[in-house]
Every structure is written in C-alpha cells, then in structure tokens.
C-alpha atoms as a PDB file:
ATOM      1  CA  MET A   1     161.523 -36.103  -8.546  1.00  0.00           C
ATOM      2  CA  TRP A   2     160.696 -32.240  -7.740  1.00  0.00           C
ATOM      3  CA  LEU A   3     160.652 -30.366  -4.475  1.00  0.00           C
ATOM      4  CA  SER A   4     158.576 -27.741  -4.149  1.00  0.00           C
ATOM      5  CA  MET A   5     160.075 -24.501  -2.015  1.00  0.00           C
ATOM      6  CA  ALA A   6     158.521 -21.809  -1.002  1.00  0.00           C
ATOM      7  CA  THR A   7     159.985 -18.404  -1.830  1.00  0.00           C
ATOM      8  CA  GLY A   8     158.241 -15.582  -0.024  1.00  0.00           C
ATOM      9  CA  SER A   9     154.482 -15.967  -1.026  1.00  0.00           C
ATOM     10  CA  ARG A  10     155.375 -18.317  -4.321  1.00  0.00           C
ATOM     11  CA  ILE A  11     155.909 -21.989  -4.549  1.00  0.00           C
ATOM     12  CA  VAL A  12     158.506 -22.802  -6.749  1.00  0.00           C
ATOM     13  CA  GLN A  13     159.604 -26.436  -8.096  1.00  0.00           C
ATOM     14  CA  MET A  14     162.806 -27.426  -8.911  1.00  0.00           C
ATOM     15  CA  PRO A  15     164.608 -30.924  -9.230  1.00  0.00           C
ATOM     16  CA  ARG A  16     165.991 -32.474  -6.152  1.00  0.00           C
ATOM     17  CA  SER A  17     169.034 -32.793  -8.207  1.00  0.00           C
ATOM     18  CA  ILE A  18     169.304 -29.013  -8.504  1.00  0.00           C
ATOM     19  CA  VAL A  19     168.536 -28.486  -4.786  1.00  0.00           C
ATOM     20  CA  ARG A  20     171.236 -30.436  -3.743  1.00  0.00           C
ATOM     21  CA  VAL A  21     173.796 -28.912  -6.268  1.00  0.00           C
ATOM     22  CA  LEU A  22     172.723 -25.332  -4.779  1.00  0.00           C
ATOM     23  CA  CYS A  23     172.647 -26.369  -1.313  1.00  0.00           C
ATOM     24  CA  ALA A  24     175.941 -28.601  -1.101  1.00  0.00           C
ATOM     25  CA  SER A  25     178.980 -27.534   0.814  1.00  0.00           C
ATOM     26  CA  ARG A  26     181.835 -29.401   1.786  1.00  0.00           C
ATOM     27  CA  PRO A  27     184.864 -28.136   4.406  1.00  0.00           C
ATOM     28  CA  LEU A  28     187.170 -26.999   2.076  1.00  0.00           C
ATOM     29  CA  VAL A  29     189.919 -26.753   4.827  1.00  0.00           C
ATOM     30  CA  GLY A  30     190.039 -29.032   7.910  1.00  0.00           C
ATOM     31  CA  LYS A  31     187.238 -30.609   9.488  1.00  0.00           C
ATOM     32  CA  PRO A  32     185.527 -29.152  13.188  1.00  0.00           C
ATOM     33  CA  ASP A  33     185.500 -31.697  15.577  1.00  0.00           C
ATOM     34  CA  SER A  34     181.894 -33.781  14.944  1.00  0.00           C
ATOM     35  CA  HIS A  35     181.298 -33.399  18.632  1.00  0.00           C
ATOM     36  CA  ALA A  36     182.634 -29.118  18.694  1.00  0.00           C
ATOM     37  CA  TYR A  37     179.219 -27.887  19.600  1.00  0.00           C
ATOM     38  CA  THR A  38     178.221 -30.219  22.272  1.00  0.00           C
ATOM     39  CA  THR A  39     179.639 -30.398  25.916  1.00  0.00           C
ATOM     40  CA  GLU A  40     180.308 -33.599  27.956  1.00  0.00           C
ATOM     41  CA  ALA A  41     178.185 -33.965  30.845  1.00  0.00           C
ATOM     42  CA  LYS A  42     180.471 -33.670  33.720  1.00  0.00           C
ATOM     43  CA  GLY A  43     179.646 -32.665  37.144  1.00  0.00           C
ATOM     44  CA  ASP A  44     176.971 -29.953  37.188  1.00  0.00           C
ATOM     45  CA  ASN A  45     177.414 -29.442  33.356  1.00  0.00           C
ATOM     46  CA  THR A  46     174.154 -30.937  32.797  1.00  0.00           C
ATOM     47  CA  GLY A  47     171.931 -27.853  32.885  1.00  0.00           C
ATOM     48  CA  GLU A  48     174.436 -26.302  30.286  1.00  0.00           C
ATOM     49  CA  LEU A  49     174.368 -28.780  27.896  1.00  0.00           C
ATOM     50  CA  LYS A  50     170.294 -28.745  27.923  1.00  0.00           C
ATOM     51  CA  ASP A  51     170.712 -25.475  27.418  1.00  0.00           C
ATOM     52  CA  LEU A  52     172.830 -25.370  24.644  1.00  0.00           C
ATOM     53  CA  ARG A  53     171.182 -28.054  22.566  1.00  0.00           C
ATOM     54  CA  GLU A  54     167.566 -25.760  23.241  1.00  0.00           C
ATOM     55  CA  ALA A  55     169.624 -23.032  22.140  1.00  0.00           C
ATOM     56  CA  PHE A  56     170.627 -24.838  18.604  1.00  0.00           C
ATOM     57  CA  GLY A  57     167.147 -26.232  18.154  1.00  0.00           C
ATOM     58  CA  TYR A  58     165.314 -22.726  18.934  1.00  0.00           C
ATOM     59  CA  CYS A  59     167.872 -21.324  15.873  1.00  0.00           C
ATOM     60  CA  ALA A  60     167.062 -24.396  13.921  1.00  0.00           C
ATOM     61  CA  ALA A  61     163.146 -23.443  14.158  1.00  0.00           C
ATOM     62  CA  GLN A  62     163.326 -20.077  13.444  1.00  0.00           C
ATOM     63  CA  VAL A  63     165.371 -21.006  10.356  1.00  0.00           C
ATOM     64  CA  ARG A  64     162.629 -23.295   9.630  1.00  0.00           C
ATOM     65  CA  ARG A  65     159.872 -20.773  10.062  1.00  0.00           C
ATOM     66  CA  TYR A  66     161.177 -17.768   8.466  1.00  0.00           C
ATOM     67  CA  ASP A  67     164.127 -18.893   5.989  1.00  0.00           C
ATOM     68  CA  TYR A  68     162.690 -22.168   4.611  1.00  0.00           C
ATOM     69  CA  GLU A  69     165.171 -22.269   1.541  1.00  0.00           C
ATOM     70  CA  GLY A  70     167.945 -21.694   4.228  1.00  0.00           C
ATOM     71  CA  TYR A  71     166.465 -24.386   6.236  1.00  0.00           C
ATOM     72  CA  LEU A  72     166.816 -26.753   3.599  1.00  0.00           C
ATOM     73  CA  CYS A  73     170.148 -26.198   2.382  1.00  0.00           C
ATOM     74  CA  THR A  74     171.928 -26.325   5.855  1.00  0.00           C
ATOM     75  CA  LEU A  75     170.475 -29.688   6.159  1.00  0.00           C
ATOM     76  CA  GLN A  76     172.351 -30.458   3.242  1.00  0.00           C
ATOM     77  CA  LEU A  77     175.415 -29.892   5.285  1.00  0.00           C
ATOM     78  CA  PRO A  78     177.608 -32.473   7.116  1.00  0.00           C
ATOM     79  CA  THR A  79     175.909 -33.053  10.366  1.00  0.00           C
ATOM     80  CA  HIS A  80     178.577 -31.671  12.434  1.00  0.00           C
ATOM     81  CA  LEU A  81     178.402 -28.225  10.750  1.00  0.00           C
ATOM     82  CA  ARG A  82     174.641 -27.743  11.052  1.00  0.00           C
ATOM     83  CA  PRO A  83     174.456 -26.428  14.425  1.00  0.00           C
ATOM     84  CA  ALA A  84     177.066 -23.761  13.386  1.00  0.00           C
ATOM     85  CA  ALA A  85     174.795 -22.847  10.261  1.00  0.00           C
ATOM     86  CA  PHE A  86     171.426 -22.897  11.994  1.00  0.00           C
ATOM     87  CA  ALA A  87     172.556 -20.113  14.410  1.00  0.00           C
ATOM     88  CA  ILE A  88     174.573 -18.107  11.882  1.00  0.00           C
ATOM     89  CA  ARG A  89     171.138 -18.315   9.762  1.00  0.00           C
ATOM     90  CA  ALA A  90     168.956 -17.548  12.808  1.00  0.00           C
ATOM     91  CA  PHE A  91     170.715 -14.350  13.739  1.00  0.00           C
ATOM     92  CA  ASN A  92     170.760 -13.583   9.783  1.00  0.00           C
ATOM     93  CA  VAL A  93     166.360 -14.096  10.349  1.00  0.00           C
ATOM     94  CA  GLU A  94     166.893 -11.966  14.132  1.00  0.00           C
ATOM     95  CA  THR A  95     168.040  -9.042  12.539  1.00  0.00           C
ATOM     96  CA  VAL A  96     165.455  -8.998   9.321  1.00  0.00           C
ATOM     97  CA  GLN A  97     162.318  -9.671  11.606  1.00  0.00           C
ATOM     98  CA  ALA A  98     164.218  -6.666  14.098  1.00  0.00           C
ATOM     99  CA  VAL A  99     162.859  -4.659  11.386  1.00  0.00           C
ATOM    100  CA  GLU A 100     160.066  -6.267   9.160  1.00  0.00           C
ATOM    101  CA  SER A 101     158.239  -6.865  12.531  1.00  0.00           C
ATOM    102  CA  THR A 102     157.498  -3.250  13.286  1.00  0.00           C
ATOM    103  CA  ASN A 103     156.544  -0.085  11.240  1.00  0.00           C
ATOM    104  CA  GLU A 104     158.320   2.096  13.793  1.00  0.00           C
ATOM    105  CA  ALA A 105     162.116   2.906  12.484  1.00  0.00           C
ATOM    106  CA  SER A 106     163.081   3.798  16.069  1.00  0.00           C
ATOM    107  CA  ILE A 107     161.815   0.405  17.380  1.00  0.00           C
ATOM    108  CA  ALA A 108     163.484  -1.852  14.510  1.00  0.00           C
ATOM    109  CA  LYS A 109     166.961   0.380  15.486  1.00  0.00           C
ATOM    110  CA  MET A 110     166.477  -0.315  19.119  1.00  0.00           C
ATOM    111  CA  ARG A 111     166.158  -4.185  18.232  1.00  0.00           C
ATOM    112  CA  LEU A 112     169.129  -3.881  16.029  1.00  0.00           C
ATOM    113  CA  LEU A 113     171.187  -2.232  19.086  1.00  0.00           C
ATOM    114  CA  PHE A 114     170.287  -5.193  20.929  1.00  0.00           C
ATOM    115  CA  TRP A 115     171.846  -7.254  18.568  1.00  0.00           C
ATOM    116  CA  ARG A 116     175.064  -5.211  17.851  1.00  0.00           C
ATOM    117  CA  ASP A 117     175.432  -5.554  21.495  1.00  0.00           C
ATOM    118  CA  ALA A 118     175.247  -8.931  21.755  1.00  0.00           C
ATOM    119  CA  VAL A 119     177.476  -9.553  19.154  1.00  0.00           C
ATOM    120  CA  LYS A 120     179.881  -7.481  21.027  1.00  0.00           C
ATOM    121  CA  GLY A 121     179.050  -9.596  24.509  1.00  0.00           C
ATOM    122  CA  ILE A 122     179.501 -12.805  22.435  1.00  0.00           C
ATOM    123  CA  TYR A 123     182.890 -11.725  21.655  1.00  0.00           C
ATOM    124  CA  GLN A 124     183.871 -11.089  25.070  1.00  0.00           C
ATOM    125  CA  GLY A 125     182.402 -14.077  26.421  1.00  0.00           C
ATOM    126  CA  LYS A 126     179.571 -12.732  28.282  1.00  0.00           C
ATOM    127  CA  PRO A 127     176.239 -13.274  25.532  1.00  0.00           C
ATOM    128  CA  PRO A 128     172.605 -12.141  26.512  1.00  0.00           C
ATOM    129  CA  GLN A 129     170.153 -14.801  27.848  1.00  0.00           C
ATOM    130  CA  GLN A 130     169.003 -15.006  24.368  1.00  0.00           C
ATOM    131  CA  PRO A 131     168.670 -18.460  22.564  1.00  0.00           C
ATOM    132  CA  VAL A 132     170.477 -17.677  19.322  1.00  0.00           C
ATOM    133  CA  ALA A 133     173.289 -15.400  21.119  1.00  0.00           C
ATOM    134  CA  GLN A 134     173.729 -18.460  23.547  1.00  0.00           C
ATOM    135  CA  ALA A 135     174.538 -20.797  20.173  1.00  0.00           C
ATOM    136  CA  LEU A 136     176.464 -18.315  18.645  1.00  0.00           C
ATOM    137  CA  SER A 137     178.568 -17.758  21.785  1.00  0.00           C
ATOM    138  CA  LYS A 138     179.336 -21.466  21.615  1.00  0.00           C
ATOM    139  CA  VAL A 139     180.236 -21.127  17.453  1.00  0.00           C
ATOM    140  CA  VAL A 140     182.367 -18.176  18.252  1.00  0.00           C
ATOM    141  CA  GLU A 141     183.907 -20.083  20.888  1.00  0.00           C
ATOM    142  CA  VAL A 142     184.672 -23.171  18.502  1.00  0.00           C
ATOM    143  CA  ALA A 143     185.165 -21.427  15.118  1.00  0.00           C
ATOM    144  CA  ARG A 144     186.283 -18.086  15.220  1.00  0.00           C
ATOM    145  CA  PRO A 145     184.438 -16.554  12.833  1.00  0.00           C
ATOM    146  CA  THR A 146     185.167 -12.873  12.092  1.00  0.00           C
ATOM    147  CA  LYS A 147     183.065 -10.332  14.537  1.00  0.00           C
ATOM    148  CA  ARG A 148     182.956  -7.642  11.411  1.00  0.00           C
ATOM    149  CA  TRP A 149     180.714  -9.864   8.982  1.00  0.00           C
ATOM    150  CA  PHE A 150     178.143  -9.927  12.329  1.00  0.00           C
ATOM    151  CA  ASP A 151     178.602  -6.120  12.459  1.00  0.00           C
ATOM    152  CA  ARG A 152     178.214  -5.573   8.999  1.00  0.00           C
ATOM    153  CA  ILE A 153     174.516  -7.457   8.922  1.00  0.00           C
ATOM    154  CA  VAL A 154     173.394  -5.116  11.776  1.00  0.00           C
ATOM    155  CA  ASP A 155     175.000  -1.928  10.262  1.00  0.00           C
ATOM    156  CA  THR A 156     173.072  -2.684   6.816  1.00  0.00           C
ATOM    157  CA  ARG A 157     170.143  -3.447   8.121  1.00  0.00           C
ATOM    158  CA  SER A 158     170.484   0.030  10.409  1.00  0.00           C
ATOM    159  CA  GLU A 159     171.522   1.927   7.007  1.00  0.00           C
ATOM    160  CA  ASP A 160     168.584   0.604   5.437  1.00  0.00           C
ATOM    161  CA  LEU A 161     166.081   1.967   7.738  1.00  0.00           C
ATOM    162  CA  ASP A 162     167.610   5.287   7.315  1.00  0.00           C
ATOM    163  CA  ARG A 163     166.353   5.115   3.319  1.00  0.00           C
ATOM    164  CA  THR A 164     162.961   6.626   2.567  1.00  0.00           C
ATOM    165  CA  ALA A 165     163.248   5.602  -1.437  1.00  0.00           C
ATOM    166  CA  PRO A 166     164.041   2.616  -3.017  1.00  0.00           C
ATOM    167  CA  PRO A 167     167.616   2.061  -3.823  1.00  0.00           C
ATOM    168  CA  PRO A 168     168.754   4.624  -6.382  1.00  0.00           C
ATOM    169  CA  ASN A 169     170.758   1.929  -8.814  1.00  0.00           C
ATOM    170  CA  LEU A 170     172.230  -0.840  -9.126  1.00  0.00           C
ATOM    171  CA  ALA A 171     175.315  -0.313  -7.140  1.00  0.00           C
ATOM    172  CA  ALA A 172     173.383   0.539  -4.072  1.00  0.00           C
ATOM    173  CA  VAL A 173     171.400  -3.120  -4.380  1.00  0.00           C
ATOM    174  CA  GLU A 174     174.980  -5.301  -4.438  1.00  0.00           C
ATOM    175  CA  ALA A 175     176.332  -3.056  -1.310  1.00  0.00           C
ATOM    176  CA  TYR A 176     172.940  -4.232   0.539  1.00  0.00           C
ATOM    177  CA  ALA A 177     173.222  -7.648  -0.566  1.00  0.00           C
ATOM    178  CA  GLU A 178     177.002  -7.711   0.005  1.00  0.00           C
ATOM    179  CA  GLY A 179     176.251  -6.319   3.675  1.00  0.00           C
ATOM    180  CA  THR A 180     173.744  -8.879   4.164  1.00  0.00           C
ATOM    181  CA  SER A 181     173.261 -12.418   2.422  1.00  0.00           C
ATOM    182  CA  SER A 182     177.192 -12.080   1.427  1.00  0.00           C
ATOM    183  CA  ALA A 183     178.459 -11.381   5.216  1.00  0.00           C
ATOM    184  CA  MET A 184     176.044 -14.139   6.049  1.00  0.00           C
ATOM    185  CA  LEU A 185     177.849 -16.581   3.622  1.00  0.00           C
ATOM    186  CA  TYR A 186     180.906 -15.350   4.869  1.00  0.00           C
ATOM    187  CA  LEU A 187     180.185 -16.473   8.324  1.00  0.00           C
ATOM    188  CA  LEU A 188     179.080 -20.062   6.949  1.00  0.00           C
ATOM    189  CA  LEU A 189     182.180 -20.020   5.147  1.00  0.00           C
ATOM    190  CA  GLU A 190     184.496 -19.369   8.191  1.00  0.00           C
ATOM    191  CA  ALA A 191     182.146 -21.991  10.318  1.00  0.00           C
ATOM    192  CA  THR A 192     183.641 -24.705   7.785  1.00  0.00           C
ATOM    193  CA  GLY A 193     187.127 -23.562   8.252  1.00  0.00           C
ATOM    194  CA  VAL A 194     187.471 -21.757   4.618  1.00  0.00           C
ATOM    195  CA  ARG A 195     189.029 -18.673   5.283  1.00  0.00           C
ATOM    196  CA  SER A 196     189.691 -15.454   3.120  1.00  0.00           C
ATOM    197  CA  ARG A 197     193.785 -14.445   3.203  1.00  0.00           C
ATOM    198  CA  GLU A 198     193.050 -10.792   3.095  1.00  0.00           C
END
C-alpha cells in the first residue's frame, strides 16, 4: 500500500512500510509514566486539566497544519509519548513561523526573542500564557529535556535572519541543520528517556 505525503509543494508517494520504518521510535531507556502528561482532577484542578489538554491539542493541530510529515511520524509513537513530541515539534513550528510569516527581519527577531524568553520562563516555572509554552512547561516538568537544545533552535534561526546570501558552503548548511532539525530530534530523544552521556 502506498501513502501520499505532502512535502512542501510536492506530493510524494511511498510504501506504508517505509513510512513506518522512517517514523518508528521506541523508548530505549526507561518508559515515562503513561499518565505523565495529564493531571488528576482534584478539587480545583479541573480547569488546569482542561487548559493542558487544550494546549496539547493546539500543539497537535499546529504540527498537523505546518509539519505534516512530523505529524505522521508522531502518530507512530507510543500513545504516552505523543504529547511531548507534539509540543516539541510545535515549538519548532512556532520558531519557523516566527521567521517565515513576515518579510521584516526586526519583527521576526522580536518573535524569536519572545520564544527565547519563553524558554527561560518555562525552565523557571513561569511559562507565558501561550499554548505551546504551556505544553512545553509540562514536558519540561516530566521529561526534563536539556534547555540548550531549545536555545540552539532559537539562536540558529536568529543567526539565519542576519544572512543576506545563501549558505556559502556545505559546512554552513550542516551547521544550520544541526542547530535546527538535529536539536529538535535531540529533544524528542530526551523526551523518550534517551540522553547523551556527554
């Protein structure tokens, strides 16, 4: 069976078995609590539970809309890991949208500054009232991913705004990929319990 996937403006068809292999991910170290991304409704916490569900739902919708391949891959993860993966991928989407939704570099830099400050607030336990930030706050509370990967994504996108010409060589392209896509993948691995020993 073939599956059609949208990649930018192109439609690519590939066998479902290959999509499963490309998207498959199993936690290699430990298994986070399957209820880690929900809260028990005790007393006044019903509002918190609703807000958290809405935040993770918003993340999934953003990923589906702007990163459909990532959305399909996330659906292949075990159910208990999907909320964290959607939140991390939504953060990546938000930083991309901060840059691509405007032609003004100063506006893009302000949006990226918001995300830099949001990451700082999330790790201090004071996330802004924004759905992706709220969901990431829960991910940080549960999985404790390394802050530097979030910072690296924002910094790399910000540095890219200052460029006026295409990357001069392959090393520059690799550095950009390492600072954006690889950093996001490191975060996804950490959310599953896989950590670097460095």
